[in-house]
Amino acid sequence: MVIFKNQPLFVLMLGITSLSMYIPVFFSARLDQWLYARTFFYHGTFFLIICVLLGIAFSSKRLQNKIVSNIFDLFCCFVILPMFMAAPLNHLVINISFFDAYFEMLSSFTTTGASIFDNNDKIPDVIHLWRALIAWFGGLLMLIAALSIFQPAGLGGFDVYMQKQNSKDLKTQIKRANIRSRIFKYTILISPVYFFLTILMSIILIISGDRPLVAVIHSMSTFSTSGISNVNGIDGTNSGIIGEMIIVIFLIFSISRFMYQQDSEGKGYRRLKRDKEVNIMLLLIVSIPSLLFMRHWFGAIDISENFDFFTALSAFWGGVFMVMSFLTTTGFESKYWNVSQAWSGLGTPGIILMGLSVLGGGIATTAGGVKLLRVYVLYKHGVREMTRLSYPHSVAGAGNKARSFRREGAYAAWIFFMLFIVSLAMIILGFSFSGITFENSLILAISGLSTIGPLVNVAGDGTLYYSNLSDLAKAIFCIAMVLGRLEALAVIALFNPNYWLK
């Protein structure tokens, strides 16, 4: 264990990536697909040798315990590791360049789920398994990094917990934080839960009627919020509405961090029902489908006087599933989403799903977007400011923590929101420069920064595909995915000289 603690995060992740290549080896060997088995075996063994050599080189070097160094390691993992992951993919899939394979693997590793493969039926199952596996490891990496790296640095959504009296000691807190120990601590705490829940969901989906491979891939895609599928999404499954209900239940892990770990007082699960992120999620999955249902219902009345209760219920469920799926930046599309539109004869605008994607899930989860806690903090600050307009000399209660939410927390949330908007504008300009229309540029920018690749399938006009993008547009999208996964504040910290000073 001491040997591993002295290794950079990039070397450890390279070793995990190399070992994970043996999983497709066993899968392909079981199906007698020896070409795929040999390819993954050779690449995995070669990269494992490189990892051992790097480990030997770093074993005698004392690593820096600075948070910015670990953020830089995390940045290198997302930028460089997809090159290793893309090597077997580039060898096995014909008619794609290495950059396309890199794009595919970076999309999976950042849990974005944007794919250049328009028709999944023409891609071998082992490739889909490799994509889902990489996304699953990418989600686990973000869960660990959020609690071990971002939390002590006050990044990744934890900035809203900043208090004025604690902000002076933040520099000391960053210096004293033993990042290496925290990484191993949360790896041991989170990995078994993450693995067990994935297996549990796979078993439940198999019992519900899905094929084992489909169940495993959809389970890994649910917990990583990548939306990767080998059967073109939910439409290709056999579990039906039961499978959709199972996915919705397990997507709660992308809303609240208390589902994976206890808080500092050991009351994580007891605080779950009072978690503001969960409360906002419940409000959204009730209000938005209800409004869509009423809109569709009145549209159906205008078209026909007949009322089909089952169709109406299916339309309502389609709204609930889509809100939960895109709020967690997963991107699975319900079988009943088209039913809800066909029932009323009206097309539901994709701007609603785009807005949900921007809101995102919970902090310290695998979801992307702005994060619900930041939205809640800005809401509380707005309510307080409106109260002060009527009662200028009023003093708000609810304790120091609530006051810090409305002041320092709101300030940090507003800074991040502005950085998100600026990043969104710059990415849109980049896509427009590459020749893409403004509407499609907006969809692609939100898809990349919110790490929800399947958004283009439901928010666009049906003519937008990742395979049709130019290399320049794909490069811009890669930048958006990395920026959306690490968040702008963490990337800016890499360029802050104060973080690098001894």
Protein backbone atom coordinates (compact mmCIF):
# COMPACT_ATOMS: atom_id res chain seq x y z
CA MET A 1 0.00 0.00 0.00
CA VAL A 2 2.88 2.38 0.74
CA ILE A 3 4.24 1.77 -2.76
CA PHE A 4 0.93 2.84 -4.32
CA LYS A 5 0.67 5.94 -2.13
CA ASN A 6 3.95 7.21 -3.54
CA GLN A 7 2.74 6.97 -7.14
CA PRO A 8 1.14 9.85 -9.09
CA LEU A 9 -2.55 9.58 -9.79
CA PHE A 10 -1.83 9.35 -13.51
CA VAL A 11 0.36 6.25 -13.05
CA LEU A 12 -2.26 4.57 -10.86
CA MET A 13 -4.99 5.27 -13.39
CA LEU A 14 -2.78 3.98 -16.21
CA GLY A 15 -2.37 0.74 -14.29
CA ILE A 16 -6.12 0.46 -13.73
CA THR A 17 -6.74 1.17 -17.42
CA SER A 18 -4.24 -1.51 -18.44
CA LEU A 19 -5.77 -4.10 -16.11
CA SER A 20 -9.30 -3.22 -17.24
CA MET A 21 -8.35 -4.21 -20.80
CA TYR A 22 -8.33 -7.83 -19.64
CA ILE A 23 -12.09 -7.67 -19.04
CA PRO A 24 -12.82 -7.40 -22.80
CA VAL A 25 -10.27 -10.19 -23.27
CA PHE A 26 -12.32 -12.63 -21.16
CA PHE A 27 -15.56 -11.43 -22.76
CA SER A 28 -14.23 -11.93 -26.29
CA ALA A 29 -12.64 -15.27 -25.46
CA ARG A 30 -15.97 -16.53 -24.15
CA LEU A 31 -17.54 -15.67 -27.54
CA ASP A 32 -14.57 -17.11 -29.48
CA GLN A 33 -13.78 -13.66 -30.89
CA TRP A 34 -10.04 -14.15 -30.74
CA LEU A 35 -9.10 -11.10 -32.79
CA TYR A 36 -10.69 -8.80 -30.20
CA ALA A 37 -9.26 -10.86 -27.35
CA ARG A 38 -5.70 -10.71 -28.73
CA THR A 39 -5.93 -7.00 -29.44
CA PHE A 40 -6.99 -6.05 -25.92
CA PHE A 41 -4.56 -8.54 -24.40
CA TYR A 42 -1.56 -7.20 -26.30
CA HIS A 43 -2.42 -3.57 -25.61
CA GLY A 44 -3.21 -4.20 -21.96
CA THR A 45 0.03 -6.09 -21.40
CA PHE A 46 2.13 -3.50 -23.20
CA PHE A 47 0.60 -0.58 -21.30
CA LEU A 48 0.96 -2.49 -18.04
CA ILE A 49 4.69 -2.84 -18.69
CA ILE A 50 4.90 0.91 -19.31
CA CYS A 51 3.00 1.52 -16.07
CA VAL A 52 5.42 -0.69 -14.10
CA LEU A 53 8.40 1.15 -15.55
CA LEU A 54 6.85 4.51 -14.65
CA GLY A 55 6.10 3.19 -11.17
CA ILE A 56 9.73 2.21 -10.69
CA ALA A 57 10.85 5.64 -11.87
CA PHE A 58 8.55 7.45 -9.43
CA SER A 59 9.16 5.10 -6.49
CA SER A 60 12.25 7.00 -5.37
CA LYS A 61 10.76 10.44 -5.94
CA ARG A 62 8.93 12.29 -3.21
CA LEU A 63 5.62 13.54 -4.55
CA GLN A 64 4.26 16.96 -3.74
CA ASN A 65 1.20 16.99 -1.51
CA LYS A 66 -0.18 20.20 -3.00
CA ILE A 67 -3.77 20.15 -4.11
CA VAL A 68 -2.91 21.88 -7.36
CA SER A 69 -0.45 19.09 -8.17
CA ASN A 70 -3.21 16.53 -7.73
CA ILE A 71 -5.58 18.64 -9.83
CA PHE A 72 -2.90 18.69 -12.51
CA ASP A 73 -2.61 14.88 -12.25
CA LEU A 74 -6.39 14.65 -12.65
CA PHE A 75 -6.20 16.96 -15.66
CA CYS A 76 -3.49 14.76 -17.22
CA CYS A 77 -5.65 11.69 -16.61
CA PHE A 78 -8.52 13.12 -18.64
CA VAL A 79 -6.30 14.47 -21.42
CA ILE A 80 -3.66 11.75 -21.84
CA LEU A 81 -5.24 8.48 -20.68
CA PRO A 82 -7.83 8.42 -23.52
CA MET A 83 -4.87 8.06 -25.89
CA PHE A 84 -4.07 4.69 -24.32
CA MET A 85 -7.75 3.75 -24.21
CA ALA A 86 -8.16 4.60 -27.89
CA ALA A 87 -5.34 2.33 -29.10
CA PRO A 88 -7.32 -0.96 -29.22
CA LEU A 89 -10.40 0.86 -30.47
CA ASN A 90 -8.47 2.35 -33.38
CA HIS A 91 -7.08 -1.07 -34.26
CA LEU A 92 -10.41 -2.91 -34.20
CA VAL A 93 -12.82 -0.42 -35.77
CA ILE A 94 -12.12 0.28 -39.42
CA ASN A 95 -12.70 3.61 -41.17
CA ILE A 96 -11.99 5.75 -38.10
CA SER A 97 -8.89 7.76 -37.40
CA PHE A 98 -6.95 7.75 -34.15
CA PHE A 99 -8.38 11.18 -33.33
CA ASP A 100 -11.91 9.80 -33.71
CA ALA A 101 -11.01 6.94 -31.38
CA TYR A 102 -9.55 9.48 -28.93
CA PHE A 103 -12.75 11.52 -29.15
CA GLU A 104 -14.79 8.41 -28.38
CA MET A 105 -12.70 7.44 -25.38
CA LEU A 106 -12.50 10.97 -23.98
CA SER A 107 -16.27 11.19 -24.28
CA SER A 108 -16.62 7.94 -22.35
CA PHE A 109 -14.02 8.80 -19.70
CA THR A 110 -15.63 12.17 -18.98
CA THR A 111 -19.02 10.35 -18.76
CA THR A 112 -20.33 12.49 -21.62
CA GLY A 113 -21.49 9.61 -23.81
CA ALA A 114 -21.12 11.44 -27.14
CA SER A 115 -20.45 8.82 -29.80
CA ILE A 116 -19.32 8.94 -33.40
CA PHE A 117 -21.00 5.55 -33.92
CA ASP A 118 -24.41 6.49 -35.32
CA ASN A 119 -25.58 2.89 -35.67
CA ASN A 120 -24.75 0.76 -32.65
CA ASP A 121 -25.81 -2.44 -34.41
CA LYS A 122 -22.73 -2.31 -36.65
CA ILE A 123 -20.31 -2.05 -33.72
CA PRO A 124 -19.19 -5.22 -31.90
CA ASP A 125 -20.51 -5.68 -28.37
CA VAL A 126 -16.99 -5.78 -26.97
CA ILE A 127 -16.48 -2.16 -28.11
CA HIS A 128 -19.66 -1.07 -26.35
CA LEU A 129 -18.54 -2.93 -23.24
CA TRP A 130 -15.19 -1.13 -23.39
CA ARG A 131 -16.91 2.26 -23.75
CA ALA A 132 -19.26 1.61 -20.83
CA LEU A 133 -16.41 0.26 -18.70
CA ILE A 134 -14.28 3.37 -19.30
CA ALA A 135 -17.24 5.61 -18.45
CA TRP A 136 -17.86 3.58 -15.28
CA PHE A 137 -14.25 4.05 -14.17
CA GLY A 138 -14.45 7.73 -15.09
CA GLY A 139 -17.49 8.17 -12.86
CA LEU A 140 -15.76 6.41 -9.97
CA LEU A 141 -12.70 8.61 -10.43
CA MET A 142 -14.83 11.76 -10.17
CA LEU A 143 -16.57 10.51 -7.02
CA ILE A 144 -13.21 9.94 -5.36
CA ALA A 145 -11.63 13.14 -6.68
CA ALA A 146 -14.55 15.28 -5.53
CA LEU A 147 -14.17 14.22 -1.89
CA SER A 148 -10.41 13.81 -1.74
CA ILE A 149 -9.20 16.74 -3.89
CA PHE A 150 -11.99 19.24 -4.53
CA GLN A 151 -13.51 19.28 -1.05
CA PRO A 152 -10.43 20.48 0.88
CA ALA A 153 -9.73 23.02 -1.88
CA GLY A 154 -13.26 24.38 -1.85
CA LEU A 155 -13.90 23.47 -5.50
CA GLY A 156 -16.38 21.33 -7.39
CA GLY A 157 -19.44 22.71 -5.61
CA PHE A 158 -17.99 22.68 -2.10
CA ASP A 159 -17.21 26.37 -2.57
CA VAL A 160 -20.77 27.19 -1.49
CA TYR A 161 -19.92 25.97 2.02
CA MET A 162 -17.26 28.64 2.41
CA GLN A 163 -17.75 30.80 5.50
CA LYS A 164 -16.16 34.16 6.11
CA GLN A 165 -14.40 33.05 9.27
CA ASN A 166 -13.10 29.94 7.55
CA SER A 167 -11.94 31.59 4.34
CA LYS A 168 -8.90 33.05 6.12
CA ASP A 169 -7.76 29.58 7.08
CA LEU A 170 -8.34 28.07 3.64
CA LYS A 171 -4.68 28.35 2.65
CA THR A 172 -3.64 26.54 5.83
CA GLN A 173 -6.33 23.92 5.26
CA ILE A 174 -5.05 23.27 1.74
CA LYS A 175 -1.47 22.87 2.97
CA ARG A 176 -2.42 20.47 5.79
CA ALA A 177 -4.69 18.28 3.69
CA ASN A 178 -3.06 14.90 3.09
CA ILE A 179 -4.38 14.36 -0.40
CA ARG A 180 -2.74 10.97 -0.95
CA SER A 181 -4.30 9.56 2.21
CA ARG A 182 -7.66 11.04 1.32
CA ILE A 183 -7.57 9.46 -2.14
CA PHE A 184 -6.96 5.99 -0.71
CA LYS A 185 -9.45 6.54 2.11
CA TYR A 186 -12.34 7.44 -0.19
CA THR A 187 -11.33 4.81 -2.72
CA ILE A 188 -11.78 2.16 -0.02
CA LEU A 189 -15.06 3.71 1.16
CA ILE A 190 -16.75 4.40 -2.18
CA SER A 191 -15.50 1.68 -4.55
CA PRO A 192 -17.24 -1.28 -2.84
CA VAL A 193 -20.56 0.59 -2.71
CA TYR A 194 -20.22 1.74 -6.31
CA PHE A 195 -19.38 -1.79 -7.48
CA PHE A 196 -22.07 -3.51 -5.41
CA LEU A 197 -24.84 -1.16 -6.56
CA THR A 198 -23.85 -1.66 -10.20
CA ILE A 199 -24.03 -5.44 -9.79
CA LEU A 200 -27.34 -5.14 -7.93
CA MET A 201 -28.90 -3.02 -10.65
CA SER A 202 -27.60 -5.39 -13.34
CA ILE A 203 -29.23 -8.35 -11.61
CA ILE A 204 -32.54 -6.51 -11.26
CA LEU A 205 -32.51 -5.55 -14.95
CA ILE A 206 -31.75 -9.14 -15.94
CA ILE A 207 -34.67 -10.35 -13.84
CA SER A 208 -36.83 -7.70 -15.54
CA GLY A 209 -36.08 -9.23 -18.95
CA ASP A 210 -32.94 -7.55 -20.30
CA ARG A 211 -30.06 -9.52 -21.75
CA PRO A 212 -27.07 -9.76 -19.38
CA LEU A 213 -24.79 -7.58 -21.51
CA VAL A 214 -27.49 -4.94 -21.98
CA ALA A 215 -28.22 -4.94 -18.26
CA VAL A 216 -24.55 -4.54 -17.32
CA ILE A 217 -23.89 -1.75 -19.82
CA HIS A 218 -27.03 0.18 -18.84
CA SER A 219 -26.19 -0.25 -15.15
CA MET A 220 -22.69 1.13 -15.63
CA SER A 221 -24.08 3.93 -17.79
CA THR A 222 -26.64 4.82 -15.13
CA PHE A 223 -24.16 5.12 -12.28
CA SER A 224 -21.63 6.96 -14.45
CA THR A 225 -24.41 9.12 -16.02
CA SER A 226 -22.89 8.50 -19.44
CA GLY A 227 -26.00 7.21 -21.24
CA ILE A 228 -23.96 4.66 -23.21
CA SER A 229 -25.96 1.79 -24.72
CA ASN A 230 -25.32 -1.06 -27.11
CA VAL A 231 -28.96 -1.31 -28.22
CA ASN A 232 -29.66 2.34 -29.16
CA GLY A 233 -30.93 3.26 -25.71
CA ILE A 234 -34.04 2.18 -23.84
CA ASP A 235 -35.90 1.34 -27.07
CA GLY A 236 -33.73 -1.74 -27.54
CA THR A 237 -34.38 -3.23 -24.11
CA ASN A 238 -36.89 -5.90 -23.10
CA SER A 239 -37.59 -4.68 -19.57
CA GLY A 240 -39.99 -1.97 -20.70
CA ILE A 241 -41.41 0.46 -18.17
CA ILE A 242 -40.09 -1.66 -15.29
CA GLY A 243 -36.55 -1.11 -16.54
CA GLU A 244 -37.18 2.61 -16.80
CA MET A 245 -38.46 2.71 -13.23
CA ILE A 246 -35.34 0.87 -12.06
CA ILE A 247 -33.12 3.40 -13.84
CA VAL A 248 -35.00 6.32 -12.27
CA ILE A 249 -34.61 4.82 -8.80
CA PHE A 250 -30.86 4.36 -9.15
CA LEU A 251 -30.39 7.80 -10.72
CA ILE A 252 -30.98 9.25 -7.25
CA PHE A 253 -27.29 8.48 -6.62
CA SER A 254 -26.49 11.24 -9.10
CA ILE A 255 -28.51 13.78 -7.11
CA SER A 256 -27.15 13.56 -3.58
CA ARG A 257 -23.64 12.77 -2.35
CA PHE A 258 -25.15 11.40 0.88
CA MET A 259 -26.12 8.25 -1.03
CA TYR A 260 -22.45 7.24 -1.19
CA GLN A 261 -21.00 8.53 2.05
CA GLN A 262 -21.80 10.00 5.43
CA ASP A 263 -21.29 13.66 6.21
CA SER A 264 -18.88 14.97 8.84
CA GLU A 265 -21.42 14.31 11.61
CA GLY A 266 -22.19 10.78 10.49
CA LYS A 267 -25.78 11.66 9.56
CA GLY A 268 -25.64 11.30 5.82
CA TYR A 269 -28.58 8.98 5.28
CA ARG A 270 -30.70 10.70 7.91
CA ARG A 271 -30.08 14.04 6.25
CA LEU A 272 -31.04 12.70 2.83
CA LYS A 273 -34.71 13.61 3.22
CA ARG A 274 -33.70 17.20 4.10
CA ASP A 275 -31.11 17.48 1.37
CA LYS A 276 -31.84 20.55 -0.73
CA GLU A 277 -30.65 18.86 -3.91
CA VAL A 278 -33.11 16.01 -3.41
CA ASN A 279 -35.91 18.47 -2.66
CA ILE A 280 -35.20 20.42 -5.86
CA MET A 281 -35.14 17.16 -7.80
CA LEU A 282 -38.56 16.15 -6.41
CA LEU A 283 -39.94 19.57 -7.25
CA LEU A 284 -38.72 19.36 -10.83
CA ILE A 285 -39.89 15.81 -11.55
CA VAL A 286 -43.36 16.74 -10.31
CA SER A 287 -43.79 20.25 -11.72
CA ILE A 288 -42.26 19.94 -15.19
CA PRO A 289 -44.02 16.68 -16.22
CA SER A 290 -47.26 18.09 -14.84
CA LEU A 291 -46.94 21.25 -16.93
CA LEU A 292 -46.01 19.20 -19.99
CA PHE A 293 -48.94 16.88 -19.30
CA MET A 294 -51.37 19.79 -19.10
CA ARG A 295 -49.93 21.29 -22.26
CA HIS A 296 -50.22 17.98 -24.09
CA TRP A 297 -53.66 17.31 -22.65
CA PHE A 298 -55.10 20.59 -23.88
CA GLY A 299 -53.44 19.94 -27.23
CA ALA A 300 -55.09 16.53 -27.40
CA ILE A 301 -58.49 18.05 -26.59
CA ASP A 302 -58.13 20.46 -29.49
CA ILE A 303 -57.36 17.57 -31.84
CA SER A 304 -59.84 14.97 -30.62
CA GLU A 305 -62.50 14.64 -27.97
CA ASN A 306 -61.43 11.09 -27.12
CA PHE A 307 -59.44 10.62 -23.95
CA ASP A 308 -57.22 7.58 -23.51
CA PHE A 309 -56.24 7.20 -19.85
CA PHE A 310 -53.40 4.75 -20.56
CA THR A 311 -51.89 7.00 -23.21
CA ALA A 312 -52.16 9.99 -20.89
CA LEU A 313 -50.43 8.08 -18.08
CA SER A 314 -47.71 6.93 -20.47
CA ALA A 315 -47.18 10.52 -21.58
CA PHE A 316 -46.84 11.67 -17.96
CA TRP A 317 -44.33 8.92 -17.17
CA GLY A 318 -42.32 9.83 -20.26
CA GLY A 319 -41.98 13.34 -18.88
CA VAL A 320 -40.92 12.10 -15.44
CA PHE A 321 -38.26 9.82 -16.88
CA MET A 322 -36.86 12.46 -19.23
CA VAL A 323 -36.67 15.07 -16.46
CA MET A 324 -34.77 12.68 -14.21
CA SER A 325 -32.53 11.44 -17.01
CA PHE A 326 -31.48 14.86 -18.29
CA LEU A 327 -31.36 16.47 -14.86
CA THR A 328 -28.68 13.94 -13.92
CA THR A 329 -26.98 14.49 -17.34
CA THR A 330 -27.45 10.81 -18.24
CA GLY A 331 -29.36 11.21 -21.49
CA PHE A 332 -31.44 8.03 -21.68
CA GLU A 333 -34.64 8.60 -23.68
CA SER A 334 -37.88 7.06 -22.49
CA LYS A 335 -39.91 4.83 -24.78
CA TYR A 336 -42.92 6.97 -23.93
CA TRP A 337 -41.35 10.32 -24.75
CA ASN A 338 -42.51 10.12 -28.37
CA VAL A 339 -45.89 8.89 -27.14
CA SER A 340 -46.39 12.05 -25.13
CA GLN A 341 -45.74 14.18 -28.22
CA ALA A 342 -47.76 12.04 -30.63
CA TRP A 343 -50.69 11.95 -28.18
CA SER A 344 -51.07 15.72 -28.22
CA GLY A 345 -49.86 16.39 -31.74
CA LEU A 346 -47.43 18.97 -30.38
CA GLY A 347 -43.65 18.86 -30.40
CA THR A 348 -42.07 19.45 -27.00
CA PRO A 349 -39.27 22.01 -27.34
CA GLY A 350 -35.80 20.70 -26.58
CA ILE A 351 -35.01 23.90 -24.68
CA ILE A 352 -36.57 22.30 -21.58
CA LEU A 353 -34.15 19.38 -21.70
CA MET A 354 -31.28 21.76 -22.38
CA GLY A 355 -32.20 23.77 -19.30
CA LEU A 356 -32.35 20.63 -17.16
CA SER A 357 -28.94 19.59 -18.46
CA VAL A 358 -27.45 22.94 -17.47
CA LEU A 359 -28.89 22.62 -13.94
CA GLY A 360 -27.15 19.26 -13.53
CA GLY A 361 -27.20 16.92 -10.55
CA GLY A 362 -25.62 17.01 -7.13
CA ILE A 363 -22.13 17.99 -6.03
CA ALA A 364 -19.64 15.16 -5.46
CA THR A 365 -21.60 12.94 -7.87
CA THR A 366 -21.01 11.75 -11.41
CA ALA A 367 -23.49 14.28 -12.85
CA GLY A 368 -22.34 17.37 -14.74
CA GLY A 369 -23.85 20.81 -15.15
CA VAL A 370 -23.95 23.78 -12.80
CA LYS A 371 -25.16 21.56 -9.89
CA LEU A 372 -28.42 21.88 -7.98
CA LEU A 373 -26.84 23.11 -4.76
CA ARG A 374 -25.48 26.20 -6.49
CA VAL A 375 -28.94 26.88 -7.90
CA TYR A 376 -30.42 26.60 -4.40
CA VAL A 377 -27.81 28.95 -2.95
CA LEU A 378 -28.52 31.57 -5.62
CA TYR A 379 -32.25 31.18 -4.96
CA LYS A 380 -31.80 31.76 -1.23
CA HIS A 381 -29.67 34.81 -1.92
CA GLY A 382 -32.32 36.19 -4.27
CA VAL A 383 -35.06 35.68 -1.69
CA ARG A 384 -32.97 37.45 0.93
CA GLU A 385 -32.31 40.40 -1.38
CA MET A 386 -36.01 40.77 -2.14
CA THR A 387 -36.76 40.69 1.58
CA ARG A 388 -34.26 43.46 2.20
CA LEU A 389 -36.03 45.63 -0.36
CA SER A 390 -39.10 45.61 1.87
CA TYR A 391 -37.29 45.46 5.23
CA PRO A 392 -33.86 47.08 4.80
CA HIS A 393 -32.89 46.69 8.46
CA SER A 394 -34.03 43.09 8.85
CA VAL A 395 -31.67 40.40 10.14
CA ALA A 396 -32.03 36.93 8.68
CA GLY A 397 -31.83 33.94 11.02
CA ALA A 398 -31.32 30.19 10.54
CA GLY A 399 -27.73 30.24 11.87
CA ASN A 400 -24.25 30.93 10.55
CA LYS A 401 -24.39 28.19 7.94
CA ALA A 402 -27.53 29.58 6.31
CA ARG A 403 -26.11 33.09 6.38
CA SER A 404 -22.91 31.90 4.72
CA PHE A 405 -25.05 30.23 2.04
CA ARG A 406 -26.72 33.55 1.28
CA ARG A 407 -23.47 35.54 1.32
CA GLU A 408 -20.13 33.81 0.68
CA GLY A 409 -21.79 30.73 -0.81
CA ALA A 410 -23.92 32.79 -3.18
CA TYR A 411 -20.86 34.81 -4.19
CA ALA A 412 -18.92 31.64 -5.06
CA ALA A 413 -21.92 30.15 -6.88
CA TRP A 414 -22.37 33.35 -8.89
CA ILE A 415 -18.70 33.36 -9.89
CA PHE A 416 -18.98 29.79 -11.12
CA PHE A 417 -22.21 30.54 -12.97
CA MET A 418 -20.58 33.49 -14.74
CA LEU A 419 -17.57 31.33 -15.65
CA PHE A 420 -19.96 28.72 -17.01
CA ILE A 421 -21.74 31.33 -19.14
CA VAL A 422 -18.45 32.76 -20.44
CA SER A 423 -17.19 29.25 -21.24
CA LEU A 424 -20.47 28.50 -22.99
CA ALA A 425 -20.18 31.65 -25.10
CA MET A 426 -16.59 30.90 -26.08
CA ILE A 427 -17.41 27.31 -27.03
CA ILE A 428 -20.37 28.51 -29.11
CA LEU A 429 -18.11 30.97 -30.91
CA GLY A 430 -15.64 28.17 -31.59
CA PHE A 431 -18.32 25.93 -33.09
CA SER A 432 -19.68 28.83 -35.15
CA PHE A 433 -16.18 29.48 -36.46
CA SER A 434 -15.99 25.86 -37.63
CA GLY A 435 -19.09 26.38 -39.77
CA ILE A 436 -21.86 25.08 -37.50
CA THR A 437 -25.13 27.01 -37.19
CA PHE A 438 -25.88 28.89 -33.99
CA GLU A 439 -28.66 26.52 -32.88
CA ASN A 440 -26.47 23.45 -33.29
CA SER A 441 -23.52 25.27 -31.72
CA LEU A 442 -25.62 25.99 -28.64
CA ILE A 443 -26.71 22.36 -28.36
CA LEU A 444 -23.15 21.07 -28.78
CA ALA A 445 -21.76 23.57 -26.27
CA ILE A 446 -24.30 22.60 -23.62
CA SER A 447 -23.73 18.91 -24.38
CA GLY A 448 -19.98 19.27 -23.83
CA LEU A 449 -19.96 21.56 -20.80
CA SER A 450 -22.77 19.61 -19.09
CA THR A 451 -21.24 16.24 -20.12
CA ILE A 452 -24.45 14.96 -21.68
CA GLY A 453 -23.73 13.77 -25.21
CA PRO A 454 -27.17 12.25 -26.01
CA LEU A 455 -28.68 15.75 -25.78
CA VAL A 456 -28.11 16.25 -29.52
CA ASN A 457 -30.51 13.38 -30.26
CA VAL A 458 -33.52 15.04 -28.60
CA ALA A 459 -32.76 18.77 -28.63
CA GLY A 460 -31.71 19.04 -32.26
CA ASP A 461 -33.66 18.72 -35.50
CA GLY A 462 -32.47 15.18 -36.17
CA THR A 463 -29.66 16.17 -38.53
CA LEU A 464 -26.92 16.75 -35.93
CA TYR A 465 -24.48 13.85 -35.52
CA TYR A 466 -21.05 13.73 -33.93
CA SER A 467 -19.71 11.70 -36.84
CA ASN A 468 -20.45 14.60 -39.21
CA LEU A 469 -18.42 17.11 -37.22
CA SER A 470 -15.13 18.33 -38.60
CA ASP A 471 -11.89 17.64 -36.75
CA LEU A 472 -11.84 21.26 -35.56
CA ALA A 473 -15.35 20.96 -34.13
CA LYS A 474 -14.45 17.66 -32.45
CA ALA A 475 -11.35 19.27 -30.91
CA ILE A 476 -13.48 22.11 -29.54
CA PHE A 477 -15.93 19.58 -28.16
CA CYS A 478 -13.05 17.74 -26.47
CA ILE A 479 -12.05 20.98 -24.75
CA ALA A 480 -15.65 21.51 -23.66
CA MET A 481 -15.85 17.98 -22.20
CA VAL A 482 -12.68 18.35 -20.14
CA LEU A 483 -13.70 21.83 -18.99
CA GLY A 484 -17.17 20.60 -18.08
CA ARG A 485 -15.88 17.55 -16.22
CA LEU A 486 -13.24 19.33 -14.12
CA GLU A 487 -15.22 22.61 -13.95
CA ALA A 488 -13.82 26.00 -14.83
CA LEU A 489 -12.71 26.91 -11.30
CA ALA A 490 -10.46 23.85 -11.06
CA VAL A 491 -8.93 24.52 -14.48
CA ILE A 492 -8.31 28.17 -13.59
CA ALA A 493 -6.58 27.00 -10.39
CA LEU A 494 -3.96 25.30 -12.57
CA PHE A 495 -3.02 28.70 -13.98
CA ASN A 496 -3.03 30.50 -10.63
CA PRO A 497 0.61 31.15 -9.56
CA ASN A 498 -0.42 31.35 -5.88
CA TYR A 499 -1.36 27.66 -5.89
CA TRP A 500 2.08 26.67 -7.14
CA LEU A 501 4.11 28.75 -4.65
CA LYS A 502 5.85 26.80 -1.91
